[in-house]
Amino acid sequence: MVWCGPVMRDPDSRAGAKLIRLPRWLTSEHPFPWLFPASAMLIVFGLYPVLYSLWLSMFKRNPATRIETFRPSWNWSKVFADDRVIDAVSVTLTYTLIALTIQLVLGLAIALLLDSDRKGFGLLRSLMILPLVVPPAVTGMMFLLMYDGSFGVISHMLYGLGLLSPSTPILAGGTSALWGVIIADVWQWTPFMVLIMLAGLRALPKDPFEAAAIDGATDMQAFFRLTLPMMSKIIALAVLIRGIDLFRIYDYIKVMTDSGPGTATETLTAYAGTIYFKNADFPYASTVALFTLILVVIIANLFIKIFKVRF
């Protein structure tokens, strides 16, 4: 190896001892040393699992004998003929659209309320991140206890308001169970939308709003004609990020309902987990997971194309 570039003194050597020369690629502006750690993590934790799942999807597994035979089209033809996959796609899209709409509206509304420099608002903005540090599985367990028909605080509140009957617990019905999971997701991830919207609001120029106020524009007119148009790129980016995350929901479903009652709350990722852990059909589970990935990529690219999202 050729040694050149800056030199370093060996700390273990005595005065006047030899100097250590570092290689040129480590001391120059070459990007490889700085990109290598991130690239290695991306390959190990991102690319390798996808390639391994693709390899597994080419086999047909017999759960009884645990014998796998190479049949590349078997699992993919099974996916498109599986009624549970179709139902899971419907549940996933419903869950994503409802949760995303609620989080977007609440996030923007709360961000507008917190967009102030008055005393105490900085502390309120800091407190918004607290739900984000709670693991999703812990959040699911917390709401599972609050939904309990015997001692759950949310259930008893709904009983008192006459909105729910003790004979039909929240997580016992198909529609109510899905809404119960959505509420847990909204509680935890609305602060994420608030932070993104708040960052966008704080970055907006003040001059257009001052000119609108001089012209006599109301707050509602300024919001719909100035704030929303200027925030469109931020809103689209936030919707894209949260939409991708919501599409692969698993933690809340597994902890709170385990895809029940029946398959009323079974999403694609939850179905893939059921196939993997309960049926031990690893190739088919990998195929369902890859099918989910393909749907996410297609929908995300269509969204980017339609709304012209730029990174």
Foldseek 3Di string as FASTA:
>chain_A
DDFDDDWACDPPDDPPDDIHGHHPCVPDPNCCVVCVVVVVCCCVVPVVVLVVLLVLLQWFADLVVRDIDGHHCPLVVVLVVDPLNVLQAVLLVVLLVVLLVVLQVLLLVVLVVLLDPDPPSVVVLVVLCVLQVDDLLVLLVVLLQLQDLPDRVVNVVCVVVVNDDSVQGQCNDLVSVSVSLSVSVSSRCSSVSNVLSNVQVVPDDCVVVVVCVVVPDDPVCCCVVPVCVSCLLSSLVVSLVSSLVSSLDDSNCCNRHLCDPVNSNRHLNSVLVCCCPPVVRSNSSSVSVVVSVVVSVVVSVVSCVVSVHDD
